Amino acid sequence: MPEDHQQEQDEQQAGQQDAPRDEVPSDSPTGWVAAHIRRYDRSGGKEGQKWYGLDTLLLTTRGRKSGKLRRTAVIYGRDGGSIVVVGSNGGKPEHPLWYLNLVACPEAHVQVGEEHLDVRARTATAEEKPELWTLMTGLFPQYKSYQKKTTREIPVVILEPVEP
């Protein structure tokens, strides 16, 4: 009997480890970003939504290589019912890892303040981007200088809420 009970517990734990909702994401390894995420997370979104006056959210993606959940904080804007983020990576030559993860697996999760949403990501089309770029550079003008620093086209990403 004790062995059967132990086997049942082991199977339950294994099932929980496979369930995405029980999986704990790895936070950004960048020190100040990790500290921001911890503050945001520990307060349940009551603190940390504002970063130097800018609205931020926590974005959780599935790692395209590891398959593990990855979490970072990003500045966001709103366009109707959608959330808009920019894959600037500070103007570096490569896309941010979170963007590459979304391209590989567009299903993601965001925390906006105290609200949690499952979303599906897509890169803005050439037709959509100018208006959304204007929206986002209006919120964070540094995006313009980041675009000038790099030869890659900085993507604008639309996060559309999905029903659970």
C-alpha atoms as a PDB file:
ATOM      1  CA  MET A   1       0.000   0.000   0.000  1.00  0.00           C
ATOM      2  CA  PRO A   2       2.648   2.632   0.846  1.00  0.00           C
ATOM      3  CA  GLU A   3       4.380   1.873  -2.479  1.00  0.00           C
ATOM      4  CA  ASP A   4       1.125   2.410  -4.386  1.00  0.00           C
ATOM      5  CA  HIS A   5       0.589   5.710  -2.577  1.00  0.00           C
ATOM      6  CA  GLN A   6       4.150   6.815  -3.385  1.00  0.00           C
ATOM      7  CA  GLN A   7       3.721   5.858  -7.046  1.00  0.00           C
ATOM      8  CA  GLU A   8       0.476   7.857  -7.186  1.00  0.00           C
ATOM      9  CA  GLN A   9       2.217  10.902  -5.677  1.00  0.00           C
ATOM     10  CA  ASP A  10       5.117  10.541  -8.125  1.00  0.00           C
ATOM     11  CA  GLU A  11       2.698  10.387 -11.076  1.00  0.00           C
ATOM     12  CA  GLN A  12       0.823  13.447  -9.812  1.00  0.00           C
ATOM     13  CA  GLN A  13       4.074  15.392  -9.422  1.00  0.00           C
ATOM     14  CA  ALA A  14       5.250  14.329 -12.883  1.00  0.00           C
ATOM     15  CA  GLY A  15       1.935  15.470 -14.336  1.00  0.00           C
ATOM     16  CA  GLN A  16       2.240  18.800 -12.553  1.00  0.00           C
ATOM     17  CA  GLN A  17       5.728  19.331 -13.930  1.00  0.00           C
ATOM     18  CA  ASP A  18       4.371  18.834 -17.444  1.00  0.00           C
ATOM     19  CA  ALA A  19       1.524  21.293 -16.897  1.00  0.00           C
ATOM     20  CA  PRO A  20       2.524  24.790 -18.087  1.00  0.00           C
ATOM     21  CA  ARG A  21       0.486  26.546 -15.410  1.00  0.00           C
ATOM     22  CA  ASP A  22       2.558  24.890 -12.698  1.00  0.00           C
ATOM     23  CA  GLU A  23       5.871  25.561 -14.404  1.00  0.00           C
ATOM     24  CA  VAL A  24       7.947  28.337 -12.880  1.00  0.00           C
ATOM     25  CA  PRO A  25       9.480  30.626 -15.509  1.00  0.00           C
ATOM     26  CA  SER A  26      13.136  31.610 -15.573  1.00  0.00           C
ATOM     27  CA  ASP A  27      13.515  35.363 -15.313  1.00  0.00           C
ATOM     28  CA  SER A  28      15.716  37.534 -17.470  1.00  0.00           C
ATOM     29  CA  PRO A  29      19.381  37.153 -16.500  1.00  0.00           C
ATOM     30  CA  THR A  30      19.917  40.915 -16.852  1.00  0.00           C
ATOM     31  CA  GLY A  31      20.280  42.188 -13.285  1.00  0.00           C
ATOM     32  CA  TRP A  32      18.084  45.288 -13.346  1.00  0.00           C
ATOM     33  CA  VAL A  33      15.407  43.515 -15.402  1.00  0.00           C
ATOM     34  CA  ALA A  34      15.385  40.561 -12.978  1.00  0.00           C
ATOM     35  CA  ALA A  35      15.023  42.966 -10.030  1.00  0.00           C
ATOM     36  CA  HIS A  36      12.131  44.716 -11.784  1.00  0.00           C
ATOM     37  CA  ILE A  37      10.420  41.376 -12.474  1.00  0.00           C
ATOM     38  CA  ARG A  38      10.826  40.273  -8.828  1.00  0.00           C
ATOM     39  CA  ARG A  39       9.267  43.508  -7.569  1.00  0.00           C
ATOM     40  CA  TYR A  40       6.403  43.238 -10.074  1.00  0.00           C
ATOM     41  CA  ASP A  41       5.805  39.548  -9.303  1.00  0.00           C
ATOM     42  CA  ARG A  42       6.090  39.740  -5.502  1.00  0.00           C
ATOM     43  CA  SER A  43       3.595  42.596  -5.316  1.00  0.00           C
ATOM     44  CA  GLY A  44       1.091  40.792  -7.540  1.00  0.00           C
ATOM     45  CA  GLY A  45       1.452  43.615 -10.056  1.00  0.00           C
ATOM     46  CA  LYS A  46       0.709  46.421  -7.589  1.00  0.00           C
ATOM     47  CA  GLU A  47       4.309  47.621  -7.910  1.00  0.00           C
ATOM     48  CA  GLY A  48       6.533  47.612 -10.945  1.00  0.00           C
ATOM     49  CA  GLN A  49       3.940  48.248 -13.616  1.00  0.00           C
ATOM     50  CA  LYS A  50       5.471  51.700 -13.972  1.00  0.00           C
ATOM     51  CA  TRP A  51       9.172  51.889 -14.813  1.00  0.00           C
ATOM     52  CA  TYR A  52      10.472  55.470 -14.980  1.00  0.00           C
ATOM     53  CA  GLY A  53       6.920  56.552 -15.796  1.00  0.00           C
ATOM     54  CA  LEU A  54       6.460  53.960 -18.558  1.00  0.00           C
ATOM     55  CA  ASP A  55       3.890  51.165 -18.499  1.00  0.00           C
ATOM     56  CA  THR A  56       5.506  47.742 -18.373  1.00  0.00           C
ATOM     57  CA  LEU A  57       4.204  44.204 -18.414  1.00  0.00           C
ATOM     58  CA  LEU A  58       5.681  40.819 -17.675  1.00  0.00           C
ATOM     59  CA  LEU A  59       5.928  38.668 -20.781  1.00  0.00           C
ATOM     60  CA  THR A  60       6.321  34.906 -20.450  1.00  0.00           C
ATOM     61  CA  THR A  61       7.359  32.996 -23.561  1.00  0.00           C
ATOM     62  CA  ARG A  62       8.327  29.401 -24.275  1.00  0.00           C
ATOM     63  CA  GLY A  63      12.035  29.044 -25.074  1.00  0.00           C
ATOM     64  CA  ARG A  64      12.447  27.980 -28.692  1.00  0.00           C
ATOM     65  CA  LYS A  65      15.498  25.833 -27.873  1.00  0.00           C
ATOM     66  CA  SER A  66      15.001  24.825 -24.230  1.00  0.00           C
ATOM     67  CA  GLY A  67      11.215  24.500 -24.237  1.00  0.00           C
ATOM     68  CA  LYS A  68      11.235  26.196 -20.822  1.00  0.00           C
ATOM     69  CA  LEU A  69       9.233  29.239 -19.803  1.00  0.00           C
ATOM     70  CA  ARG A  70      11.138  32.535 -19.942  1.00  0.00           C
ATOM     71  CA  ARG A  71       9.945  35.803 -18.400  1.00  0.00           C
ATOM     72  CA  THR A  72      10.976  39.378 -19.041  1.00  0.00           C
ATOM     73  CA  ALA A  73       9.607  42.879 -18.546  1.00  0.00           C
ATOM     74  CA  VAL A  74       8.812  45.075 -21.536  1.00  0.00           C
ATOM     75  CA  ILE A  75       7.305  48.485 -22.218  1.00  0.00           C
ATOM     76  CA  TYR A  76       3.884  48.250 -23.818  1.00  0.00           C
ATOM     77  CA  GLY A  77       1.180  50.284 -25.441  1.00  0.00           C
ATOM     78  CA  ARG A  78      -2.432  49.538 -26.326  1.00  0.00           C
ATOM     79  CA  ASP A  79      -4.141  49.491 -29.672  1.00  0.00           C
ATOM     80  CA  GLY A  80      -7.795  48.767 -29.122  1.00  0.00           C
ATOM     81  CA  GLY A  81      -8.001  45.395 -27.371  1.00  0.00           C
ATOM     82  CA  SER A  82      -4.442  44.437 -28.320  1.00  0.00           C
ATOM     83  CA  ILE A  83      -1.178  45.025 -26.511  1.00  0.00           C
ATOM     84  CA  VAL A  84       1.786  46.320 -28.494  1.00  0.00           C
ATOM     85  CA  VAL A  85       5.472  45.748 -27.678  1.00  0.00           C
ATOM     86  CA  VAL A  86       8.697  46.536 -29.538  1.00  0.00           C
ATOM     87  CA  GLY A  87      11.616  44.129 -30.054  1.00  0.00           C
ATOM     88  CA  SER A  88      14.276  46.833 -29.865  1.00  0.00           C
ATOM     89  CA  ASN A  89      16.958  45.050 -27.817  1.00  0.00           C
ATOM     90  CA  GLY A  90      18.431  48.506 -27.247  1.00  0.00           C
ATOM     91  CA  GLY A  91      19.368  48.760 -30.917  1.00  0.00           C
ATOM     92  CA  LYS A  92      21.664  45.735 -30.835  1.00  0.00           C
ATOM     93  CA  PRO A  93      22.221  43.884 -34.130  1.00  0.00           C
ATOM     94  CA  GLU A  94      20.214  40.845 -32.991  1.00  0.00           C
ATOM     95  CA  HIS A  95      16.580  40.504 -32.056  1.00  0.00           C
ATOM     96  CA  PRO A  96      15.762  40.059 -28.364  1.00  0.00           C
ATOM     97  CA  LEU A  97      15.430  36.410 -27.354  1.00  0.00           C
ATOM     98  CA  TRP A  98      11.830  36.916 -26.267  1.00  0.00           C
ATOM     99  CA  TYR A  99      10.963  37.980 -29.816  1.00  0.00           C
ATOM    100  CA  LEU A 100      12.658  34.934 -31.344  1.00  0.00           C
ATOM    101  CA  ASN A 101      10.750  32.771 -28.852  1.00  0.00           C
ATOM    102  CA  LEU A 102       7.444  34.364 -29.916  1.00  0.00           C
ATOM    103  CA  VAL A 103       8.211  33.782 -33.592  1.00  0.00           C
ATOM    104  CA  ALA A 104       8.805  30.086 -32.825  1.00  0.00           C
ATOM    105  CA  CYS A 105       5.877  29.748 -30.407  1.00  0.00           C
ATOM    106  CA  PRO A 106       3.399  32.654 -30.532  1.00  0.00           C
ATOM    107  CA  GLU A 107       1.369  31.526 -27.528  1.00  0.00           C
ATOM    108  CA  ALA A 108       2.461  33.504 -24.478  1.00  0.00           C
ATOM    109  CA  HIS A 109       1.289  34.947 -21.186  1.00  0.00           C
ATOM    110  CA  VAL A 110       1.351  38.529 -19.970  1.00  0.00           C
ATOM    111  CA  GLN A 111       0.803  40.143 -16.627  1.00  0.00           C
ATOM    112  CA  VAL A 112      -0.353  43.736 -16.888  1.00  0.00           C
ATOM    113  CA  GLY A 113      -0.501  45.083 -13.368  1.00  0.00           C
ATOM    114  CA  GLU A 114      -2.696  42.630 -11.489  1.00  0.00           C
ATOM    115  CA  GLU A 115      -4.286  41.239 -14.665  1.00  0.00           C
ATOM    116  CA  HIS A 116      -3.106  37.982 -16.261  1.00  0.00           C
ATOM    117  CA  LEU A 117      -3.819  37.252 -19.935  1.00  0.00           C
ATOM    118  CA  ASP A 118      -2.995  34.478 -22.349  1.00  0.00           C
ATOM    119  CA  VAL A 119      -2.038  36.020 -25.670  1.00  0.00           C
ATOM    120  CA  ARG A 120      -1.094  35.083 -29.193  1.00  0.00           C
ATOM    121  CA  ALA A 121       1.722  37.134 -30.702  1.00  0.00           C
ATOM    122  CA  ARG A 122       2.272  38.231 -34.255  1.00  0.00           C
ATOM    123  CA  THR A 123       4.644  40.668 -35.861  1.00  0.00           C
ATOM    124  CA  ALA A 124       2.896  43.739 -37.234  1.00  0.00           C
ATOM    125  CA  THR A 125       2.532  43.710 -41.002  1.00  0.00           C
ATOM    126  CA  ALA A 126       4.171  46.364 -43.188  1.00  0.00           C
ATOM    127  CA  GLU A 127       0.760  48.055 -43.384  1.00  0.00           C
ATOM    128  CA  GLU A 128       0.193  48.007 -39.600  1.00  0.00           C
ATOM    129  CA  LYS A 129       3.669  48.936 -38.462  1.00  0.00           C
ATOM    130  CA  PRO A 130       3.836  52.702 -39.246  1.00  0.00           C
ATOM    131  CA  GLU A 131       0.849  53.543 -37.058  1.00  0.00           C
ATOM    132  CA  LEU A 132       1.980  51.235 -34.243  1.00  0.00           C
ATOM    133  CA  TRP A 133       5.577  52.509 -34.494  1.00  0.00           C
ATOM    134  CA  THR A 134       4.256  56.064 -34.066  1.00  0.00           C
ATOM    135  CA  LEU A 135       2.255  54.914 -31.032  1.00  0.00           C
ATOM    136  CA  MET A 136       5.255  53.252 -29.417  1.00  0.00           C
ATOM    137  CA  THR A 137       7.815  55.964 -30.215  1.00  0.00           C
ATOM    138  CA  GLY A 138       5.333  58.426 -28.728  1.00  0.00           C
ATOM    139  CA  LEU A 139       5.534  56.443 -25.489  1.00  0.00           C
ATOM    140  CA  PHE A 140       9.286  55.765 -25.639  1.00  0.00           C
ATOM    141  CA  PRO A 141      11.129  58.038 -28.132  1.00  0.00           C
ATOM    142  CA  GLN A 142      14.423  56.121 -27.657  1.00  0.00           C
ATOM    143  CA  TYR A 143      13.077  53.463 -30.023  1.00  0.00           C
ATOM    144  CA  LYS A 144      13.889  55.872 -32.875  1.00  0.00           C
ATOM    145  CA  SER A 145      17.543  56.095 -31.854  1.00  0.00           C
ATOM    146  CA  TYR A 146      17.666  52.310 -31.401  1.00  0.00           C
ATOM    147  CA  GLN A 147      16.445  51.875 -34.994  1.00  0.00           C
ATOM    148  CA  LYS A 148      19.174  54.245 -36.215  1.00  0.00           C
ATOM    149  CA  LYS A 149      21.826  52.191 -34.346  1.00  0.00           C
ATOM    150  CA  THR A 150      20.998  48.917 -36.084  1.00  0.00           C
ATOM    151  CA  THR A 151      20.638  47.641 -39.632  1.00  0.00           C
ATOM    152  CA  ARG A 152      17.904  45.175 -38.684  1.00  0.00           C
ATOM    153  CA  GLU A 153      14.298  46.237 -38.828  1.00  0.00           C
ATOM    154  CA  ILE A 154      13.051  46.483 -35.249  1.00  0.00           C
ATOM    155  CA  PRO A 155       9.828  44.486 -35.023  1.00  0.00           C
ATOM    156  CA  VAL A 156       6.596  45.715 -33.541  1.00  0.00           C
ATOM    157  CA  VAL A 157       4.662  42.852 -31.978  1.00  0.00           C
ATOM    158  CA  ILE A 158       0.925  42.666 -31.444  1.00  0.00           C
ATOM    159  CA  LEU A 159      -0.225  40.545 -28.493  1.00  0.00           C
ATOM    160  CA  GLU A 160      -3.849  39.569 -28.926  1.00  0.00           C
ATOM    161  CA  PRO A 161      -5.720  38.153 -25.933  1.00  0.00           C
ATOM    162  CA  VAL A 162      -7.050  34.631 -26.375  1.00  0.00           C
ATOM    163  CA  GLU A 163      -9.852  32.911 -24.528  1.00  0.00           C
ATOM    164  CA  PRO A 164      -8.652  30.368 -21.960  1.00  0.00           C
END
